[in-house]
């Protein structure tokens, strides 16, 4: 009667096994440093243009809306405060993770999936190379390093976008905007804004690797794995951000 639960439970079990093996390989040799640097360039530097553009317009739109709403109460000067808090706590980490997931979870799944259907991974095993240590762990480490860095950049660019709107549309003095922006942030906000992308990095990398390694059915299977990786990573990111936020809200409350 509960046969329909077997497949999702088995998939969750396989994902946890893959996660455990990838994390265990962090302390084992070889570490494939060149592969890690290559993935850092692909995942981090490659995602920089879209992260900067999205961060800028996110901050600008937020300042546009918040400035208008706060103006009704004569509090337009607090626009920078609202923009910085929302960006650092929530919007920066989540938007950056979603962008990186859309760009890199799909890329990882398609790359590894192509290797799977062309039997390159079986050839690696035949030659005595651990595919998880060679393919999964470098991508996990690279994403864990670069995603928090991308989030910091997105936060700053978003604040700058808010400054442009505040200065040219709402005539906010630059000193007032930046002072309220920095003073609004506490250590708990900074910690929350860095923990979230670090946690999301494992979702982005490992979900892509998981669906890539279980790809079947030729090129059609590769496309299916790519779609599943992006959808699963995006859903899990929203799921995790709720619980992480709930933990910080409970502590601060």
C-alpha atoms as a PDB file:
ATOM      1  CA  UNK A   1       0.000   0.000   0.000  1.00  0.00           C
ATOM      2  CA  UNK A   2       2.897   2.315   0.742  1.00  0.00           C
ATOM      3  CA  UNK A   3       4.816   1.308  -2.350  1.00  0.00           C
ATOM      4  CA  UNK A   4       4.645   4.832  -3.776  1.00  0.00           C
ATOM      5  CA  UNK A   5       6.896   5.987  -0.899  1.00  0.00           C
ATOM      6  CA  UNK A   6       9.733   3.621  -1.783  1.00  0.00           C
ATOM      7  CA  UNK A   7      11.156   5.712  -4.621  1.00  0.00           C
ATOM      8  CA  UNK A   8      11.310   9.103  -2.800  1.00  0.00           C
ATOM      9  CA  UNK A   9      12.672   7.488   0.374  1.00  0.00           C
ATOM     10  CA  UNK A  10      15.316   5.634  -1.646  1.00  0.00           C
ATOM     11  CA  UNK A  11      16.223   8.891  -3.423  1.00  0.00           C
ATOM     12  CA  UNK A  12      16.640  10.711  -0.097  1.00  0.00           C
ATOM     13  CA  UNK A  13      18.780   7.864   1.199  1.00  0.00           C
ATOM     14  CA  UNK A  14      20.991   7.954  -1.903  1.00  0.00           C
ATOM     15  CA  UNK A  15      21.396  11.718  -1.565  1.00  0.00           C
ATOM     16  CA  UNK A  16      22.472  11.445   2.074  1.00  0.00           C
ATOM     17  CA  UNK A  17      24.958   8.708   1.191  1.00  0.00           C
ATOM     18  CA  UNK A  18      26.400  10.878  -1.582  1.00  0.00           C
ATOM     19  CA  UNK A  19      26.621  13.859   0.797  1.00  0.00           C
ATOM     20  CA  UNK A  20      28.418  11.784   3.432  1.00  0.00           C
ATOM     21  CA  UNK A  21      30.910  10.411   0.916  1.00  0.00           C
ATOM     22  CA  UNK A  22      31.609  13.859  -0.546  1.00  0.00           C
ATOM     23  CA  UNK A  23      32.215  15.382   2.891  1.00  0.00           C
ATOM     24  CA  UNK A  24      34.395  12.482   3.990  1.00  0.00           C
ATOM     25  CA  UNK A  25      36.564  12.980   0.911  1.00  0.00           C
ATOM     26  CA  UNK A  26      37.429  16.528   2.054  1.00  0.00           C
ATOM     27  CA  UNK A  27      39.971  15.057   4.477  1.00  0.00           C
ATOM     28  CA  UNK A  28      41.219  12.334   2.139  1.00  0.00           C
ATOM     29  CA  UNK A  29      43.854  12.486  -0.571  1.00  0.00           C
ATOM     30  CA  UNK A  30      44.084  13.258  -3.423  1.00  0.00           C
ATOM     31  CA  UNK A  31      42.369  16.638  -3.128  1.00  0.00           C
ATOM     32  CA  UNK A  32      42.423  17.599  -6.847  1.00  0.00           C
ATOM     33  CA  UNK A  33      43.327  21.232  -6.176  1.00  0.00           C
ATOM     34  CA  UNK A  34      43.394  22.108  -9.868  1.00  0.00           C
ATOM     35  CA  UNK A  35      39.816  20.883 -10.256  1.00  0.00           C
ATOM     36  CA  UNK A  36      38.733  22.959  -7.253  1.00  0.00           C
ATOM     37  CA  UNK A  37      40.288  26.113  -8.743  1.00  0.00           C
ATOM     38  CA  UNK A  38      38.662  25.395 -12.105  1.00  0.00           C
ATOM     39  CA  UNK A  39      35.252  25.000 -10.481  1.00  0.00           C
ATOM     40  CA  UNK A  40      35.773  28.161  -8.412  1.00  0.00           C
ATOM     41  CA  UNK A  41      36.366  30.043 -11.645  1.00  0.00           C
ATOM     42  CA  UNK A  42      33.364  28.459 -13.363  1.00  0.00           C
ATOM     43  CA  UNK A  43      30.948  28.776 -10.450  1.00  0.00           C
ATOM     44  CA  UNK A  44      32.168  32.011  -8.880  1.00  0.00           C
ATOM     45  CA  UNK A  45      33.695  34.212 -11.563  1.00  0.00           C
ATOM     46  CA  UNK A  46      31.317  32.880 -14.213  1.00  0.00           C
ATOM     47  CA  UNK A  47      28.284  33.810 -12.103  1.00  0.00           C
ATOM     48  CA  UNK A  48      29.589  37.282 -11.232  1.00  0.00           C
ATOM     49  CA  UNK A  49      27.954  39.294 -14.071  1.00  0.00           C
ATOM     50  CA  UNK A  50      24.440  37.974 -13.489  1.00  0.00           C
ATOM     51  CA  UNK A  51      24.794  38.271  -9.700  1.00  0.00           C
ATOM     52  CA  UNK A  52      25.947  41.897  -9.956  1.00  0.00           C
ATOM     53  CA  UNK A  53      23.175  42.844 -12.370  1.00  0.00           C
ATOM     54  CA  UNK A  54      20.453  41.121 -10.344  1.00  0.00           C
ATOM     55  CA  UNK A  55      21.758  42.500  -7.046  1.00  0.00           C
ATOM     56  CA  UNK A  56      21.849  46.068  -8.365  1.00  0.00           C
ATOM     57  CA  UNK A  57      18.299  46.067  -9.692  1.00  0.00           C
ATOM     58  CA  UNK A  58      16.976  44.214  -6.637  1.00  0.00           C
ATOM     59  CA  UNK A  59      18.321  46.956  -4.382  1.00  0.00           C
ATOM     60  CA  UNK A  60      17.094  49.669  -6.738  1.00  0.00           C
ATOM     61  CA  UNK A  61      13.562  48.269  -6.948  1.00  0.00           C
ATOM     62  CA  UNK A  62      13.444  47.733  -3.190  1.00  0.00           C
ATOM     63  CA  UNK A  63      14.532  51.322  -2.533  1.00  0.00           C
ATOM     64  CA  UNK A  64      11.974  52.562  -5.055  1.00  0.00           C
ATOM     65  CA  UNK A  65       9.135  50.745  -3.301  1.00  0.00           C
ATOM     66  CA  UNK A  66      10.313  51.303   0.281  1.00  0.00           C
ATOM     67  CA  UNK A  67      11.027  55.000  -0.294  1.00  0.00           C
ATOM     68  CA  UNK A  68       7.519  55.499  -1.593  1.00  0.00           C
ATOM     69  CA  UNK A  69       5.935  53.567   1.299  1.00  0.00           C
ATOM     70  CA  UNK A  70       8.056  55.246   3.983  1.00  0.00           C
ATOM     71  CA  UNK A  71       7.404  58.655   2.446  1.00  0.00           C
ATOM     72  CA  UNK A  72       3.771  58.380   3.516  1.00  0.00           C
ATOM     73  CA  UNK A  73       4.982  58.511   7.129  1.00  0.00           C
ATOM     74  CA  UNK A  74       7.737  61.049   6.572  1.00  0.00           C
ATOM     75  CA  UNK A  75      10.437  58.385   7.014  1.00  0.00           C
ATOM     76  CA  UNK A  76      12.050  58.375   3.574  1.00  0.00           C
ATOM     77  CA  UNK A  77      15.435  58.806   5.260  1.00  0.00           C
ATOM     78  CA  UNK A  78      15.191  55.246   6.604  1.00  0.00           C
ATOM     79  CA  UNK A  79      15.121  53.736   3.112  1.00  0.00           C
ATOM     80  CA  UNK A  80      18.767  52.640   3.336  1.00  0.00           C
ATOM     81  CA  UNK A  81      18.103  50.933   6.652  1.00  0.00           C
ATOM     82  CA  UNK A  82      15.264  48.843   5.236  1.00  0.00           C
ATOM     83  CA  UNK A  83      17.169  47.987   2.063  1.00  0.00           C
ATOM     84  CA  UNK A  84      20.265  46.819   3.927  1.00  0.00           C
ATOM     85  CA  UNK A  85      18.350  44.657   6.416  1.00  0.00           C
ATOM     86  CA  UNK A  86      16.252  42.919   3.759  1.00  0.00           C
ATOM     87  CA  UNK A  87      19.229  42.390   1.463  1.00  0.00           C
ATOM     88  CA  UNK A  88      21.632  41.036   4.061  1.00  0.00           C
ATOM     89  CA  UNK A  89      19.135  38.875   5.926  1.00  0.00           C
ATOM     90  CA  UNK A  90      17.019  37.427   3.160  1.00  0.00           C
ATOM     91  CA  UNK A  91      17.023  38.693  -0.382  1.00  0.00           C
ATOM     92  CA  UNK A  92      20.772  38.666  -1.018  1.00  0.00           C
ATOM     93  CA  UNK A  93      21.438  35.055   0.061  1.00  0.00           C
ATOM     94  CA  UNK A  94      18.265  33.640  -1.485  1.00  0.00           C
ATOM     95  CA  UNK A  95      18.469  35.445  -4.835  1.00  0.00           C
ATOM     96  CA  UNK A  96      22.164  34.663  -5.213  1.00  0.00           C
ATOM     97  CA  UNK A  97      21.610  31.003  -4.370  1.00  0.00           C
ATOM     98  CA  UNK A  98      18.730  30.756  -6.848  1.00  0.00           C
ATOM     99  CA  UNK A  99      20.793  32.364  -9.599  1.00  0.00           C
ATOM    100  CA  UNK A 100      23.765  30.086  -8.929  1.00  0.00           C
ATOM    101  CA  UNK A 101      21.427  27.091  -8.775  1.00  0.00           C
ATOM    102  CA  UNK A 102      19.867  27.984 -12.101  1.00  0.00           C
ATOM    103  CA  UNK A 103      23.257  28.459 -13.702  1.00  0.00           C
ATOM    104  CA  UNK A 104      25.421  25.854 -11.995  1.00  0.00           C
ATOM    105  CA  UNK A 105      23.157  23.112 -10.627  1.00  0.00           C
ATOM    106  CA  UNK A 106      21.924  22.645 -14.176  1.00  0.00           C
ATOM    107  CA  UNK A 107      25.467  22.821 -15.543  1.00  0.00           C
ATOM    108  CA  UNK A 108      26.781  20.310 -13.018  1.00  0.00           C
ATOM    109  CA  UNK A 109      23.888  17.922 -13.667  1.00  0.00           C
ATOM    110  CA  UNK A 110      24.284  18.116 -17.440  1.00  0.00           C
ATOM    111  CA  UNK A 111      28.071  17.750 -17.307  1.00  0.00           C
ATOM    112  CA  UNK A 112      28.109  14.766 -14.975  1.00  0.00           C
ATOM    113  CA  UNK A 113      25.002  13.317 -16.630  1.00  0.00           C
ATOM    114  CA  UNK A 114      26.722  13.416 -20.013  1.00  0.00           C
ATOM    115  CA  UNK A 115      29.706  11.621 -18.508  1.00  0.00           C
ATOM    116  CA  UNK A 116      27.341   9.035 -17.002  1.00  0.00           C
ATOM    117  CA  UNK A 117      25.459   8.198 -20.198  1.00  0.00           C
ATOM    118  CA  UNK A 118      28.703   8.022 -22.215  1.00  0.00           C
ATOM    119  CA  UNK A 119      30.158   5.617 -19.597  1.00  0.00           C
ATOM    120  CA  UNK A 120      33.061   7.911 -18.700  1.00  0.00           C
ATOM    121  CA  UNK A 121      32.282   7.467 -14.994  1.00  0.00           C
ATOM    122  CA  UNK A 122      32.423   3.677 -15.365  1.00  0.00           C
ATOM    123  CA  UNK A 123      35.798   4.108 -17.051  1.00  0.00           C
ATOM    124  CA  UNK A 124      37.022   6.193 -14.107  1.00  0.00           C
ATOM    125  CA  UNK A 125      36.041   3.423 -11.698  1.00  0.00           C
ATOM    126  CA  UNK A 126      37.764   0.858 -13.895  1.00  0.00           C
ATOM    127  CA  UNK A 127      40.967   2.919 -13.687  1.00  0.00           C
ATOM    128  CA  UNK A 128      40.772   3.068  -9.889  1.00  0.00           C
ATOM    129  CA  UNK A 129      39.572   6.693  -9.586  1.00  0.00           C
ATOM    130  CA  UNK A 130      36.761   7.497  -7.173  1.00  0.00           C
ATOM    131  CA  UNK A 131      34.198   9.499  -9.224  1.00  0.00           C
ATOM    132  CA  UNK A 132      32.793  11.153  -6.103  1.00  0.00           C
ATOM    133  CA  UNK A 133      36.215  12.357  -4.994  1.00  0.00           C
ATOM    134  CA  UNK A 134      37.108  13.499  -8.501  1.00  0.00           C
ATOM    135  CA  UNK A 135      33.802  15.042  -9.602  1.00  0.00           C
ATOM    136  CA  UNK A 136      31.609  15.781  -6.578  1.00  0.00           C
ATOM    137  CA  UNK A 137      33.937  16.939  -3.790  1.00  0.00           C
ATOM    138  CA  UNK A 138      35.760  19.638  -5.841  1.00  0.00           C
ATOM    139  CA  UNK A 139      32.428  21.115  -6.916  1.00  0.00           C
ATOM    140  CA  UNK A 140      31.126  21.054  -3.353  1.00  0.00           C
ATOM    141  CA  UNK A 141      34.235  22.786  -1.970  1.00  0.00           C
ATOM    142  CA  UNK A 142      34.285  25.378  -4.758  1.00  0.00           C
ATOM    143  CA  UNK A 143      30.621  26.255  -4.270  1.00  0.00           C
ATOM    144  CA  UNK A 144      31.017  26.461  -0.476  1.00  0.00           C
ATOM    145  CA  UNK A 145      33.822  29.002  -0.958  1.00  0.00           C
ATOM    146  CA  UNK A 146      32.349  31.080  -3.768  1.00  0.00           C
ATOM    147  CA  UNK A 147      28.649  31.337  -2.910  1.00  0.00           C
ATOM    148  CA  UNK A 148      29.183  33.351   0.320  1.00  0.00           C
ATOM    149  CA  UNK A 149      31.580  35.608  -1.597  1.00  0.00           C
ATOM    150  CA  UNK A 150      29.001  36.141  -4.346  1.00  0.00           C
ATOM    151  CA  UNK A 151      26.372  36.915  -1.706  1.00  0.00           C
ATOM    152  CA  UNK A 152      28.553  39.617  -0.125  1.00  0.00           C
ATOM    153  CA  UNK A 153      29.065  41.185  -3.552  1.00  0.00           C
ATOM    154  CA  UNK A 154      25.334  41.017  -4.316  1.00  0.00           C
ATOM    155  CA  UNK A 155      24.513  42.665  -0.973  1.00  0.00           C
ATOM    156  CA  UNK A 156      26.923  45.548  -1.544  1.00  0.00           C
ATOM    157  CA  UNK A 157      25.827  46.086  -5.154  1.00  0.00           C
ATOM    158  CA  UNK A 158      22.196  45.997  -4.029  1.00  0.00           C
ATOM    159  CA  UNK A 159      22.895  48.669  -1.415  1.00  0.00           C
ATOM    160  CA  UNK A 160      24.582  50.753  -4.097  1.00  0.00           C
ATOM    161  CA  UNK A 161      21.522  50.328  -6.336  1.00  0.00           C
ATOM    162  CA  UNK A 162      19.369  51.528  -3.447  1.00  0.00           C
ATOM    163  CA  UNK A 163      21.681  54.511  -3.012  1.00  0.00           C
ATOM    164  CA  UNK A 164      21.315  55.492  -6.675  1.00  0.00           C
ATOM    165  CA  UNK A 165      17.527  55.474  -6.356  1.00  0.00           C
ATOM    166  CA  UNK A 166      17.560  57.244  -2.989  1.00  0.00           C
ATOM    167  CA  UNK A 167      19.962  59.940  -4.146  1.00  0.00           C
ATOM    168  CA  UNK A 168      18.506  60.737  -7.567  1.00  0.00           C
ATOM    169  CA  UNK A 169      14.794  60.057  -6.985  1.00  0.00           C
ATOM    170  CA  UNK A 170      14.188  60.758  -3.293  1.00  0.00           C
ATOM    171  CA  UNK A 171      17.032  63.295  -2.878  1.00  0.00           C
ATOM    172  CA  UNK A 172      18.535  61.493   0.107  1.00  0.00           C
ATOM    173  CA  UNK A 173      21.969  62.803   1.149  1.00  0.00           C
ATOM    174  CA  UNK A 174      24.631  60.182   0.524  1.00  0.00           C
ATOM    175  CA  UNK A 175      25.998  60.423   4.074  1.00  0.00           C
ATOM    176  CA  UNK A 176      22.556  59.860   5.539  1.00  0.00           C
ATOM    177  CA  UNK A 177      21.870  56.855   3.314  1.00  0.00           C
ATOM    178  CA  UNK A 178      25.171  55.059   3.972  1.00  0.00           C
ATOM    179  CA  UNK A 179      25.170  55.869   7.685  1.00  0.00           C
ATOM    180  CA  UNK A 180      21.695  54.403   8.168  1.00  0.00           C
ATOM    181  CA  UNK A 181      22.633  51.438   5.978  1.00  0.00           C
ATOM    182  CA  UNK A 182      25.614  50.379   8.077  1.00  0.00           C
ATOM    183  CA  UNK A 183      24.134  51.273  11.455  1.00  0.00           C
ATOM    184  CA  UNK A 184      21.063  49.148  10.781  1.00  0.00           C
ATOM    185  CA  UNK A 185      23.126  45.962  10.540  1.00  0.00           C
ATOM    186  CA  UNK A 186      24.049  43.965  13.619  1.00  0.00           C
ATOM    187  CA  UNK A 187      26.358  41.001  14.005  1.00  0.00           C
ATOM    188  CA  UNK A 188      23.403  38.606  13.971  1.00  0.00           C
ATOM    189  CA  UNK A 189      22.392  39.987  10.558  1.00  0.00           C
ATOM    190  CA  UNK A 190      25.894  39.483   9.167  1.00  0.00           C
ATOM    191  CA  UNK A 191      26.134  35.958  10.577  1.00  0.00           C
ATOM    192  CA  UNK A 192      22.719  35.086   9.209  1.00  0.00           C
ATOM    193  CA  UNK A 193      23.634  36.532   5.815  1.00  0.00           C
ATOM    194  CA  UNK A 194      26.766  34.366   5.637  1.00  0.00           C
ATOM    195  CA  UNK A 195      25.435  31.128   7.113  1.00  0.00           C
ATOM    196  CA  UNK A 196      22.588  30.938   4.620  1.00  0.00           C
ATOM    197  CA  UNK A 197      24.716  30.957   1.439  1.00  0.00           C
ATOM    198  CA  UNK A 198      27.156  28.523   3.041  1.00  0.00           C
ATOM    199  CA  UNK A 199      24.317  26.079   3.700  1.00  0.00           C
ATOM    200  CA  UNK A 200      22.783  26.740   0.287  1.00  0.00           C
ATOM    201  CA  UNK A 201      26.120  25.962  -1.381  1.00  0.00           C
ATOM    202  CA  UNK A 202      25.827  22.296  -0.418  1.00  0.00           C
ATOM    203  CA  UNK A 203      22.324  22.182  -1.871  1.00  0.00           C
ATOM    204  CA  UNK A 204      23.397  23.813  -5.142  1.00  0.00           C
ATOM    205  CA  UNK A 205      26.420  21.574  -5.691  1.00  0.00           C
ATOM    206  CA  UNK A 206      25.245  18.241  -4.290  1.00  0.00           C
ATOM    207  CA  UNK A 207      21.786  18.343  -5.883  1.00  0.00           C
ATOM    208  CA  UNK A 208      23.394  18.922  -9.274  1.00  0.00           C
ATOM    209  CA  UNK A 209      25.884  16.110  -8.713  1.00  0.00           C
ATOM    210  CA  UNK A 210      23.190  13.759  -7.417  1.00  0.00           C
ATOM    211  CA  UNK A 211      20.925  14.132 -10.439  1.00  0.00           C
ATOM    212  CA  UNK A 212      23.903  13.975 -12.768  1.00  0.00           C
ATOM    213  CA  UNK A 213      25.130  10.684 -11.296  1.00  0.00           C
ATOM    214  CA  UNK A 214      21.715   9.029 -11.549  1.00  0.00           C
ATOM    215  CA  UNK A 215      21.113  10.097 -15.149  1.00  0.00           C
ATOM    216  CA  UNK A 216      19.801   7.398 -17.467  1.00  0.00           C
ATOM    217  CA  UNK A 217      18.293   7.363 -20.934  1.00  0.00           C
ATOM    218  CA  UNK A 218      20.833   9.138 -23.122  1.00  0.00           C
ATOM    219  CA  UNK A 219      20.562  12.792 -24.078  1.00  0.00           C
ATOM    220  CA  UNK A 220      16.893  12.943 -23.122  1.00  0.00           C
ATOM    221  CA  UNK A 221      17.836  11.753 -19.643  1.00  0.00           C
ATOM    222  CA  UNK A 222      20.477  14.486 -19.393  1.00  0.00           C
ATOM    223  CA  UNK A 223      17.866  17.160 -20.107  1.00  0.00           C
ATOM    224  CA  UNK A 224      15.514  15.626 -17.572  1.00  0.00           C
ATOM    225  CA  UNK A 225      18.231  15.503 -14.904  1.00  0.00           C
ATOM    226  CA  UNK A 226      19.103  19.156 -15.564  1.00  0.00           C
ATOM    227  CA  UNK A 227      15.508  20.266 -15.066  1.00  0.00           C
ATOM    228  CA  UNK A 228      15.067  18.164 -11.937  1.00  0.00           C
ATOM    229  CA  UNK A 229      18.276  19.546 -10.422  1.00  0.00           C
ATOM    230  CA  UNK A 230      17.223  23.190 -10.820  1.00  0.00           C
ATOM    231  CA  UNK A 231      13.689  22.586  -9.516  1.00  0.00           C
ATOM    232  CA  UNK A 232      14.842  20.526  -6.523  1.00  0.00           C
ATOM    233  CA  UNK A 233      17.611  22.965  -5.578  1.00  0.00           C
ATOM    234  CA  UNK A 234      15.263  25.975  -5.787  1.00  0.00           C
ATOM    235  CA  UNK A 235      12.585  24.329  -3.632  1.00  0.00           C
ATOM    236  CA  UNK A 236      15.093  23.204  -0.995  1.00  0.00           C
ATOM    237  CA  UNK A 237      16.642  26.693  -0.852  1.00  0.00           C
ATOM    238  CA  UNK A 238      13.254  28.218   0.033  1.00  0.00           C
ATOM    239  CA  UNK A 239      12.610  25.409   2.509  1.00  0.00           C
ATOM    240  CA  UNK A 240      15.945  25.945   4.277  1.00  0.00           C
ATOM    241  CA  UNK A 241      15.756  29.729   4.363  1.00  0.00           C
ATOM    242  CA  UNK A 242      12.478  29.501   6.275  1.00  0.00           C
ATOM    243  CA  UNK A 243      13.956  27.288   8.976  1.00  0.00           C
ATOM    244  CA  UNK A 244      17.232  29.196   9.271  1.00  0.00           C
ATOM    245  CA  UNK A 245      15.295  32.461   9.583  1.00  0.00           C
ATOM    246  CA  UNK A 246      13.027  30.858  12.176  1.00  0.00           C
ATOM    247  CA  UNK A 247      16.072  29.860  14.248  1.00  0.00           C
ATOM    248  CA  UNK A 248      17.519  33.395  14.197  1.00  0.00           C
ATOM    249  CA  UNK A 249      14.151  34.990  14.913  1.00  0.00           C
ATOM    250  CA  UNK A 250      13.674  32.669  17.903  1.00  0.00           C
ATOM    251  CA  UNK A 251      17.136  33.500  19.258  1.00  0.00           C
ATOM    252  CA  UNK A 252      16.701  37.245  18.860  1.00  0.00           C
ATOM    253  CA  UNK A 253      13.213  37.093  20.280  1.00  0.00           C
END
